[in-house]
PDB file of N, CA and C in Angstrom:
ATOM      1  N   UNK A   1     -15.175   4.890  19.046  1.00  0.00           N
ATOM      2  CA  UNK A   1     -13.766   4.924  18.672  1.00  0.00           C
ATOM      3  C   UNK A   1     -13.384   6.295  18.126  1.00  0.00           C
ATOM      4  N   UNK A   2     -14.339   6.952  17.489  1.00  0.00           N
ATOM      5  CA  UNK A   2     -14.042   8.276  16.943  1.00  0.00           C
ATOM      6  C   UNK A   2     -13.600   9.229  18.048  1.00  0.00           C
ATOM      7  N   UNK A   3     -14.261   9.167  19.195  1.00  0.00           N
ATOM      8  CA  UNK A   3     -13.877  10.033  20.318  1.00  0.00           C
ATOM      9  C   UNK A   3     -12.476   9.689  20.795  1.00  0.00           C
ATOM     10  N   UNK A   4     -12.151   8.415  20.890  1.00  0.00           N
ATOM     11  CA  UNK A   4     -10.818   7.998  21.335  1.00  0.00           C
ATOM     12  C   UNK A   4      -9.735   8.491  20.382  1.00  0.00           C
ATOM     13  N   UNK A   5      -9.993   8.428  19.097  1.00  0.00           N
ATOM     14  CA  UNK A   5      -8.978   8.814  18.112  1.00  0.00           C
ATOM     15  C   UNK A   5      -8.832  10.321  17.950  1.00  0.00           C
ATOM     16  N   UNK A   6      -9.903  11.065  18.160  1.00  0.00           N
ATOM     17  CA  UNK A   6      -9.844  12.508  17.908  1.00  0.00           C
ATOM     18  C   UNK A   6      -9.889  13.364  19.174  1.00  0.00           C
ATOM     19  N   UNK A   7     -10.309  12.782  20.291  1.00  0.00           N
ATOM     20  CA  UNK A   7     -10.497  13.525  21.549  1.00  0.00           C
ATOM     21  C   UNK A   7     -11.491  14.667  21.366  1.00  0.00           C
ATOM     22  N   UNK A   8     -12.524  14.417  20.585  1.00  0.00           N
ATOM     23  CA  UNK A   8     -13.592  15.393  20.347  1.00  0.00           C
ATOM     24  C   UNK A   8     -14.915  14.763  20.779  1.00  0.00           C
ATOM     25  N   UNK A   9     -15.304  14.892  22.056  1.00  0.00           N
ATOM     26  CA  UNK A   9     -16.532  14.244  22.510  1.00  0.00           C
ATOM     27  C   UNK A   9     -17.823  14.921  22.057  1.00  0.00           C
ATOM     28  N   UNK A  10     -17.752  16.166  21.637  1.00  0.00           N
ATOM     29  CA  UNK A  10     -18.959  16.913  21.289  1.00  0.00           C
ATOM     30  C   UNK A  10     -19.236  17.017  19.794  1.00  0.00           C
ATOM     31  N   UNK A  11     -18.250  16.667  18.950  1.00  0.00           N
ATOM     32  CA  UNK A  11     -18.432  16.777  17.501  1.00  0.00           C
ATOM     33  C   UNK A  11     -17.589  15.716  16.794  1.00  0.00           C
ATOM     34  N   UNK A  12     -17.821  15.553  15.497  1.00  0.00           N
ATOM     35  CA  UNK A  12     -17.009  14.630  14.703  1.00  0.00           C
ATOM     36  C   UNK A  12     -15.698  15.333  14.386  1.00  0.00           C
ATOM     37  N   UNK A  13     -14.614  14.820  14.929  1.00  0.00           N
ATOM     38  CA  UNK A  13     -13.310  15.444  14.740  1.00  0.00           C
ATOM     39  C   UNK A  13     -12.729  15.184  13.367  1.00  0.00           C
ATOM     40  N   UNK A  14     -11.926  16.094  12.896  1.00  0.00           N
ATOM     41  CA  UNK A  14     -11.271  15.942  11.591  1.00  0.00           C
ATOM     42  C   UNK A  14      -9.782  15.703  11.723  1.00  0.00           C
ATOM     43  N   UNK A  15      -9.246  15.811  12.943  1.00  0.00           N
ATOM     44  CA  UNK A  15      -7.821  15.587  13.186  1.00  0.00           C
ATOM     45  C   UNK A  15      -7.669  14.619  14.356  1.00  0.00           C
ATOM     46  N   UNK A  16      -6.695  13.716  14.234  1.00  0.00           N
ATOM     47  CA  UNK A  16      -6.417  12.788  15.317  1.00  0.00           C
ATOM     48  C   UNK A  16      -5.551  13.437  16.384  1.00  0.00           C
ATOM     49  N   UNK A  17      -5.695  12.962  17.598  1.00  0.00           N
ATOM     50  CA  UNK A  17      -4.953  13.586  18.696  1.00  0.00           C
ATOM     51  C   UNK A  17      -3.449  13.376  18.568  1.00  0.00           C
ATOM     52  N   UNK A  18      -3.008  12.225  18.089  1.00  0.00           N
ATOM     53  CA  UNK A  18      -1.567  12.004  17.909  1.00  0.00           C
ATOM     54  C   UNK A  18      -1.010  12.853  16.771  1.00  0.00           C
ATOM     55  N   UNK A  19      -1.807  13.067  15.748  1.00  0.00           N
ATOM     56  CA  UNK A  19      -1.392  13.950  14.657  1.00  0.00           C
ATOM     57  C   UNK A  19      -1.203  15.372  15.148  1.00  0.00           C
ATOM     58  N   UNK A  20      -2.096  15.830  16.011  1.00  0.00           N
ATOM     59  CA  UNK A  20      -1.966  17.179  16.583  1.00  0.00           C
ATOM     60  C   UNK A  20      -0.714  17.281  17.457  1.00  0.00           C
ATOM     61  N   UNK A  21      -0.429  16.235  18.214  1.00  0.00           N
ATOM     62  CA  UNK A  21       0.785  16.228  19.043  1.00  0.00           C
ATOM     63  C   UNK A  21       2.022  16.309  18.147  1.00  0.00           C
ATOM     64  N   UNK A  22       2.055  15.520  17.077  1.00  0.00           N
ATOM     65  CA  UNK A  22       3.195  15.555  16.155  1.00  0.00           C
ATOM     66  C   UNK A  22       3.363  16.947  15.547  1.00  0.00           C
ATOM     67  N   UNK A  23       2.264  17.586  15.207  1.00  0.00           N
ATOM     68  CA  UNK A  23       2.321  18.942  14.650  1.00  0.00           C
ATOM     69  C   UNK A  23       2.899  19.928  15.671  1.00  0.00           C
ATOM     70  N   UNK A  24       2.562  19.773  16.934  1.00  0.00           N
ATOM     71  CA  UNK A  24       3.053  20.676  17.974  1.00  0.00           C
ATOM     72  C   UNK A  24       4.551  20.532  18.223  1.00  0.00           C
ATOM     73  N   UNK A  25       5.108  19.367  17.941  1.00  0.00           N
ATOM     74  CA  UNK A  25       6.551  19.176  18.108  1.00  0.00           C
ATOM     75  C   UNK A  25       7.350  20.068  17.163  1.00  0.00           C
ATOM     76  N   UNK A  26       6.775  20.379  16.006  1.00  0.00           N
ATOM     77  CA  UNK A  26       7.477  21.201  15.008  1.00  0.00           C
ATOM     78  C   UNK A  26       6.462  22.068  14.254  1.00  0.00           C
ATOM     79  N   UNK A  27       5.869  23.066  14.922  1.00  0.00           N
ATOM     80  CA  UNK A  27       4.810  23.858  14.285  1.00  0.00           C
ATOM     81  C   UNK A  27       5.263  24.667  13.080  1.00  0.00           C
ATOM     82  N   UNK A  28       6.539  25.028  12.998  1.00  0.00           N
ATOM     83  CA  UNK A  28       7.047  25.810  11.869  1.00  0.00           C
ATOM     84  C   UNK A  28       7.644  24.943  10.762  1.00  0.00           C
ATOM     85  N   UNK A  29       7.548  23.642  10.942  1.00  0.00           N
ATOM     86  CA  UNK A  29       8.075  22.670   9.964  1.00  0.00           C
ATOM     87  C   UNK A  29       9.538  22.929   9.642  1.00  0.00           C
ATOM     88  N   UNK A  30      10.333  23.142  10.683  1.00  0.00           N
ATOM     89  CA  UNK A  30      11.768  23.368  10.530  1.00  0.00           C
ATOM     90  C   UNK A  30      12.545  22.063  10.555  1.00  0.00           C
ATOM     91  N   UNK A  31      11.948  21.022  11.102  1.00  0.00           N
ATOM     92  CA  UNK A  31      12.605  19.716  11.192  1.00  0.00           C
ATOM     93  C   UNK A  31      11.671  18.672  10.592  1.00  0.00           C
ATOM     94  N   UNK A  32      12.244  17.601  10.151  1.00  0.00           N
ATOM     95  CA  UNK A  32      11.412  16.505   9.631  1.00  0.00           C
ATOM     96  C   UNK A  32      11.162  15.538  10.782  1.00  0.00           C
ATOM     97  N   UNK A  33       9.966  15.588  11.339  1.00  0.00           N
ATOM     98  CA  UNK A  33       9.591  14.697  12.438  1.00  0.00           C
ATOM     99  C   UNK A  33       8.276  14.001  12.100  1.00  0.00           C
ATOM    100  N   UNK A  34       8.296  13.170  11.094  1.00  0.00           N
ATOM    101  CA  UNK A  34       7.032  12.520  10.752  1.00  0.00           C
ATOM    102  C   UNK A  34       6.654  11.472  11.786  1.00  0.00           C
ATOM    103  N   UNK A  35       5.374  11.182  11.824  1.00  0.00           N
ATOM    104  CA  UNK A  35       4.915  10.078  12.648  1.00  0.00           C
ATOM    105  C   UNK A  35       5.223   8.772  11.928  1.00  0.00           C
ATOM    106  N   UNK A  36       5.088   7.684  12.633  1.00  0.00           N
ATOM    107  CA  UNK A  36       5.343   6.382  12.022  1.00  0.00           C
ATOM    108  C   UNK A  36       4.334   5.394  12.569  1.00  0.00           C
ATOM    109  N   UNK A  37       3.722   4.655  11.661  1.00  0.00           N
ATOM    110  CA  UNK A  37       2.740   3.636  11.999  1.00  0.00           C
ATOM    111  C   UNK A  37       3.259   2.303  11.514  1.00  0.00           C
ATOM    112  N   UNK A  38       3.249   1.297  12.365  1.00  0.00           N
ATOM    113  CA  UNK A  38       3.656  -0.046  11.960  1.00  0.00           C
ATOM    114  C   UNK A  38       2.398  -0.839  11.662  1.00  0.00           C
ATOM    115  N   UNK A  39       2.117  -0.978  10.391  1.00  0.00           N
ATOM    116  CA  UNK A  39       0.917  -1.662   9.923  1.00  0.00           C
ATOM    117  C   UNK A  39       0.521  -1.102   8.575  1.00  0.00           C
ATOM    118  N   UNK A  40      -0.403  -1.748   7.904  1.00  0.00           N
ATOM    119  CA  UNK A  40      -0.739  -1.367   6.528  1.00  0.00           C
ATOM    120  C   UNK A  40      -1.616  -0.135   6.368  1.00  0.00           C
ATOM    121  N   UNK A  41      -2.174   0.376   7.455  1.00  0.00           N
ATOM    122  CA  UNK A  41      -3.070   1.524   7.304  1.00  0.00           C
ATOM    123  C   UNK A  41      -2.841   2.540   8.418  1.00  0.00           C
ATOM    124  N   UNK A  42      -3.274   3.755   8.151  1.00  0.00           N
ATOM    125  CA  UNK A  42      -3.088   4.863   9.087  1.00  0.00           C
ATOM    126  C   UNK A  42      -4.266   4.934  10.057  1.00  0.00           C
ATOM    127  N   UNK A  43      -4.013   4.844  11.371  1.00  0.00           N
ATOM    128  CA  UNK A  43      -5.125   4.980  12.309  1.00  0.00           C
ATOM    129  C   UNK A  43      -5.605   6.427  12.365  1.00  0.00           C
ATOM    130  N   UNK A  44      -6.842   6.602  12.637  1.00  0.00           N
ATOM    131  CA  UNK A  44      -7.432   7.939  12.659  1.00  0.00           C
ATOM    132  C   UNK A  44      -6.738   8.865  13.656  1.00  0.00           C
ATOM    133  N   UNK A  45      -6.183   8.330  14.717  1.00  0.00           N
ATOM    134  CA  UNK A  45      -5.512   9.152  15.729  1.00  0.00           C
ATOM    135  C   UNK A  45      -4.296   9.887  15.166  1.00  0.00           C
ATOM    136  N   UNK A  46      -3.703   9.380  14.091  1.00  0.00           N
ATOM    137  CA  UNK A  46      -2.526  10.016  13.488  1.00  0.00           C
ATOM    138  C   UNK A  46      -2.856  10.943  12.330  1.00  0.00           C
ATOM    139  N   UNK A  47      -4.112  11.013  11.925  1.00  0.00           N
ATOM    140  CA  UNK A  47      -4.498  11.852  10.794  1.00  0.00           C
ATOM    141  C   UNK A  47      -4.467  13.322  11.190  1.00  0.00           C
ATOM    142  N   UNK A  48      -3.698  14.122  10.434  1.00  0.00           N
ATOM    143  CA  UNK A  48      -3.654  15.561  10.667  1.00  0.00           C
ATOM    144  C   UNK A  48      -3.070  16.208   9.410  1.00  0.00           C
ATOM    145  N   UNK A  49      -3.799  17.122   8.793  1.00  0.00           N
ATOM    146  CA  UNK A  49      -3.288  17.769   7.580  1.00  0.00           C
ATOM    147  C   UNK A  49      -1.917  18.408   7.812  1.00  0.00           C
ATOM    148  N   UNK A  50      -1.015  18.146   6.889  1.00  0.00           N
ATOM    149  CA  UNK A  50       0.319  18.725   6.962  1.00  0.00           C
ATOM    150  C   UNK A  50       1.302  17.954   7.821  1.00  0.00           C
ATOM    151  N   UNK A  51       0.878  16.845   8.426  1.00  0.00           N
ATOM    152  CA  UNK A  51       1.762  16.036   9.261  1.00  0.00           C
ATOM    153  C   UNK A  51       2.059  14.730   8.529  1.00  0.00           C
ATOM    154  N   UNK A  52       3.310  14.545   8.074  1.00  0.00           N
ATOM    155  CA  UNK A  52       3.635  13.312   7.349  1.00  0.00           C
ATOM    156  C   UNK A  52       3.747  12.115   8.292  1.00  0.00           C
ATOM    157  N   UNK A  53       3.173  11.010   7.876  1.00  0.00           N
ATOM    158  CA  UNK A  53       3.223   9.774   8.653  1.00  0.00           C
ATOM    159  C   UNK A  53       3.582   8.638   7.716  1.00  0.00           C
ATOM    160  N   UNK A  54       4.598   7.876   8.076  1.00  0.00           N
ATOM    161  CA  UNK A  54       4.996   6.711   7.290  1.00  0.00           C
ATOM    162  C   UNK A  54       4.298   5.477   7.840  1.00  0.00           C
ATOM    163  N   UNK A  55       3.714   4.681   6.949  1.00  0.00           N
ATOM    164  CA  UNK A  55       3.116   3.404   7.335  1.00  0.00           C
ATOM    165  C   UNK A  55       4.072   2.301   6.909  1.00  0.00           C
ATOM    166  N   UNK A  56       4.629   1.610   7.864  1.00  0.00           N
ATOM    167  CA  UNK A  56       5.572   0.526   7.601  1.00  0.00           C
ATOM    168  C   UNK A  56       4.789  -0.774   7.652  1.00  0.00           C
ATOM    169  N   UNK A  57       4.510  -1.336   6.475  1.00  0.00           N
ATOM    170  CA  UNK A  57       3.655  -2.518   6.414  1.00  0.00           C
ATOM    171  C   UNK A  57       4.436  -3.813   6.235  1.00  0.00           C
ATOM    172  N   UNK A  58       5.670  -3.729   5.860  1.00  0.00           N
ATOM    173  CA  UNK A  58       6.445  -4.935   5.618  1.00  0.00           C
ATOM    174  C   UNK A  58       7.547  -5.107   6.644  1.00  0.00           C
ATOM    175  N   UNK A  59       8.413  -6.065   6.395  1.00  0.00           N
ATOM    176  CA  UNK A  59       9.532  -6.276   7.309  1.00  0.00           C
ATOM    177  C   UNK A  59      10.438  -5.037   7.379  1.00  0.00           C
ATOM    178  N   UNK A  60      10.960  -4.758   8.556  1.00  0.00           N
ATOM    179  CA  UNK A  60      11.820  -3.591   8.736  1.00  0.00           C
ATOM    180  C   UNK A  60      13.079  -3.657   7.877  1.00  0.00           C
ATOM    181  N   UNK A  61      13.538  -4.859   7.552  1.00  0.00           N
ATOM    182  CA  UNK A  61      14.746  -5.000   6.723  1.00  0.00           C
ATOM    183  C   UNK A  61      14.567  -4.324   5.367  1.00  0.00           C
ATOM    184  N   UNK A  62      13.361  -4.392   4.820  1.00  0.00           N
ATOM    185  CA  UNK A  62      13.103  -3.795   3.502  1.00  0.00           C
ATOM    186  C   UNK A  62      12.783  -2.309   3.594  1.00  0.00           C
ATOM    187  N   UNK A  63      12.441  -1.825   4.753  1.00  0.00           N
ATOM    188  CA  UNK A  63      12.058  -0.429   4.926  1.00  0.00           C
ATOM    189  C   UNK A  63      13.265   0.507   4.932  1.00  0.00           C
ATOM    190  N   UNK A  64      14.435   0.015   5.246  1.00  0.00           N
ATOM    191  CA  UNK A  64      15.616   0.867   5.305  1.00  0.00           C
ATOM    192  C   UNK A  64      15.813   1.480   6.678  1.00  0.00           C
ATOM    193  N   UNK A  65      15.264   0.858   7.696  1.00  0.00           N
ATOM    194  CA  UNK A  65      15.358   1.341   9.063  1.00  0.00           C
ATOM    195  C   UNK A  65      16.756   1.076   9.614  1.00  0.00           C
ATOM    196  N   UNK A  66      17.392   2.084  10.173  1.00  0.00           N
ATOM    197  CA  UNK A  66      18.732   2.011  10.764  1.00  0.00           C
ATOM    198  C   UNK A  66      19.764   1.374   9.824  1.00  0.00           C
ATOM    199  N   UNK A  67      19.987   1.944   8.650  1.00  0.00           N
ATOM    200  CA  UNK A  67      20.917   1.332   7.697  1.00  0.00           C
ATOM    201  C   UNK A  67      22.366   1.303   8.171  1.00  0.00           C
ATOM    202  N   UNK A  68      22.735   2.152   9.134  1.00  0.00           N
ATOM    203  CA  UNK A  68      24.114   2.187   9.614  1.00  0.00           C
ATOM    204  C   UNK A  68      24.444   0.995  10.514  1.00  0.00           C
ATOM    205  N   UNK A  69      23.439   0.301  11.029  1.00  0.00           N
ATOM    206  CA  UNK A  69      23.664  -0.876  11.872  1.00  0.00           C
ATOM    207  C   UNK A  69      23.675  -2.094  10.961  1.00  0.00           C
ATOM    208  N   UNK A  70      24.749  -2.887  11.023  1.00  0.00           N
ATOM    209  CA  UNK A  70      24.905  -4.001  10.090  1.00  0.00           C
ATOM    210  C   UNK A  70      25.167  -5.316  10.813  1.00  0.00           C
ATOM    211  N   UNK A  71      25.097  -6.409  10.054  1.00  0.00           N
ATOM    212  CA  UNK A  71      25.434  -7.738  10.542  1.00  0.00           C
ATOM    213  C   UNK A  71      24.494  -8.262  11.606  1.00  0.00           C
ATOM    214  N   UNK A  72      25.082  -9.022  12.541  1.00  0.00           N
ATOM    215  CA  UNK A  72      24.300  -9.644  13.608  1.00  0.00           C
ATOM    216  C   UNK A  72      23.653  -8.595  14.508  1.00  0.00           C
ATOM    217  N   UNK A  73      24.336  -7.483  14.695  1.00  0.00           N
ATOM    218  CA  UNK A  73      23.769  -6.416  15.526  1.00  0.00           C
ATOM    219  C   UNK A  73      22.486  -5.869  14.906  1.00  0.00           C
ATOM    220  N   UNK A  74      22.475  -5.743  13.561  1.00  0.00           N
ATOM    221  CA  UNK A  74      21.280  -5.257  12.868  1.00  0.00           C
ATOM    222  C   UNK A  74      20.104  -6.206  13.069  1.00  0.00           C
ATOM    223  N   UNK A  75      20.361  -7.486  12.926  1.00  0.00           N
ATOM    224  CA  UNK A  75      19.314  -8.480  13.121  1.00  0.00           C
ATOM    225  C   UNK A  75      18.746  -8.382  14.533  1.00  0.00           C
ATOM    226  N   UNK A  76      19.611  -8.236  15.508  1.00  0.00           N
ATOM    227  CA  UNK A  76      19.196  -8.139  16.897  1.00  0.00           C
ATOM    228  C   UNK A  76      18.369  -6.870  17.157  1.00  0.00           C
ATOM    229  N   UNK A  77      18.819  -5.729  16.633  1.00  0.00           N
ATOM    230  CA  UNK A  77      18.118  -4.460  16.832  1.00  0.00           C
ATOM    231  C   UNK A  77      16.750  -4.493  16.151  1.00  0.00           C
ATOM    232  N   UNK A  78      16.688  -4.975  14.907  1.00  0.00           N
ATOM    233  CA  UNK A  78      15.411  -5.038  14.194  1.00  0.00           C
ATOM    234  C   UNK A  78      14.438  -5.987  14.877  1.00  0.00           C
ATOM    235  N   UNK A  79      14.951  -7.090  15.430  1.00  0.00           N
ATOM    236  CA  UNK A  79      14.098  -8.031  16.142  1.00  0.00           C
ATOM    237  C   UNK A  79      13.508  -7.382  17.391  1.00  0.00           C
ATOM    238  N   UNK A  80      14.318  -6.658  18.125  1.00  0.00           N
ATOM    239  CA  UNK A  80      13.829  -5.966  19.328  1.00  0.00           C
ATOM    240  C   UNK A  80      12.780  -4.916  18.968  1.00  0.00           C
ATOM    241  N   UNK A  81      13.049  -4.171  17.920  1.00  0.00           N
ATOM    242  CA  UNK A  81      12.112  -3.126  17.499  1.00  0.00           C
ATOM    243  C   UNK A  81      10.786  -3.746  17.060  1.00  0.00           C
ATOM    244  N   UNK A  82      10.842  -4.831  16.303  1.00  0.00           N
ATOM    245  CA  UNK A  82       9.624  -5.508  15.849  1.00  0.00           C
ATOM    246  C   UNK A  82       8.824  -6.043  17.034  1.00  0.00           C
ATOM    247  N   UNK A  83       9.498  -6.593  18.031  1.00  0.00           N
ATOM    248  CA  UNK A  83       8.804  -7.105  19.221  1.00  0.00           C
ATOM    249  C   UNK A  83       8.154  -5.978  20.007  1.00  0.00           C
ATOM    250  N   UNK A  84       8.808  -4.830  20.035  1.00  0.00           N
ATOM    251  CA  UNK A  84       8.281  -3.691  20.773  1.00  0.00           C
ATOM    252  C   UNK A  84       6.945  -3.236  20.188  1.00  0.00           C
ATOM    253  N   UNK A  85       6.773  -3.364  18.871  1.00  0.00           N
ATOM    254  CA  UNK A  85       5.557  -2.903  18.214  1.00  0.00           C
ATOM    255  C   UNK A  85       4.606  -4.023  17.818  1.00  0.00           C
ATOM    256  N   UNK A  86       4.898  -5.247  18.217  1.00  0.00           N
ATOM    257  CA  UNK A  86       3.996  -6.343  17.873  1.00  0.00           C
ATOM    258  C   UNK A  86       2.837  -6.393  18.872  1.00  0.00           C
ATOM    259  N   UNK A  87       1.717  -6.962  18.459  1.00  0.00           N
ATOM    260  CA  UNK A  87       0.582  -7.059  19.384  1.00  0.00           C
ATOM    261  C   UNK A  87       0.954  -7.876  20.617  1.00  0.00           C
ATOM    262  N   UNK A  88       0.495  -7.447  21.763  1.00  0.00           N
ATOM    263  CA  UNK A  88       0.757  -8.162  23.019  1.00  0.00           C
ATOM    264  C   UNK A  88      -0.490  -8.932  23.430  1.00  0.00           C
ATOM    265  N   UNK A  89      -0.265 -10.062  24.018  1.00  0.00           N
ATOM    266  CA  UNK A  89      -1.361 -10.881  24.518  1.00  0.00           C
ATOM    267  C   UNK A  89      -1.565 -10.505  25.983  1.00  0.00           C
ATOM    268  N   UNK A  90      -2.774 -10.109  26.302  1.00  0.00           N
ATOM    269  CA  UNK A  90      -3.076  -9.682  27.660  1.00  0.00           C
ATOM    270  C   UNK A  90      -3.207 -10.846  28.629  1.00  0.00           C
ATOM    271  N   UNK A  91      -3.179 -10.538  29.906  1.00  0.00           N
ATOM    272  CA  UNK A  91      -3.290 -11.566  30.933  1.00  0.00           C
ATOM    273  C   UNK A  91      -4.745 -11.846  31.298  1.00  0.00           C
ATOM    274  N   UNK A  92      -5.666 -11.013  30.838  1.00  0.00           N
ATOM    275  CA  UNK A  92      -7.069 -11.220  31.149  1.00  0.00           C
ATOM    276  C   UNK A  92      -7.480 -10.647  32.483  1.00  0.00           C
ATOM    277  N   UNK A  93      -6.569  -9.941  33.134  1.00  0.00           N
ATOM    278  CA  UNK A  93      -6.896  -9.345  34.446  1.00  0.00           C
ATOM    279  C   UNK A  93      -7.374  -7.949  34.304  1.00  0.00           C
TER     280      UNK A  93
END
């Protein structure tokens, strides 16, 4: 798993590949583009010094996600977003 998370097949990596990608999006730190993880812990693939990553462990309603969307539309949008990041059951093929 270490190789999958760091893309370092020859040594023990200290940075995750997704963290490096996030760093490349804004190498001069001119914009706030943190990574985001849905779950209680940070996967090794997102670990990278200087790259902020938010771990959203609770319901999106409490996180403050999309505060400008209100009412029934908010419920619908948050439900879609939660389904997009929920574990999927494979077909076994």
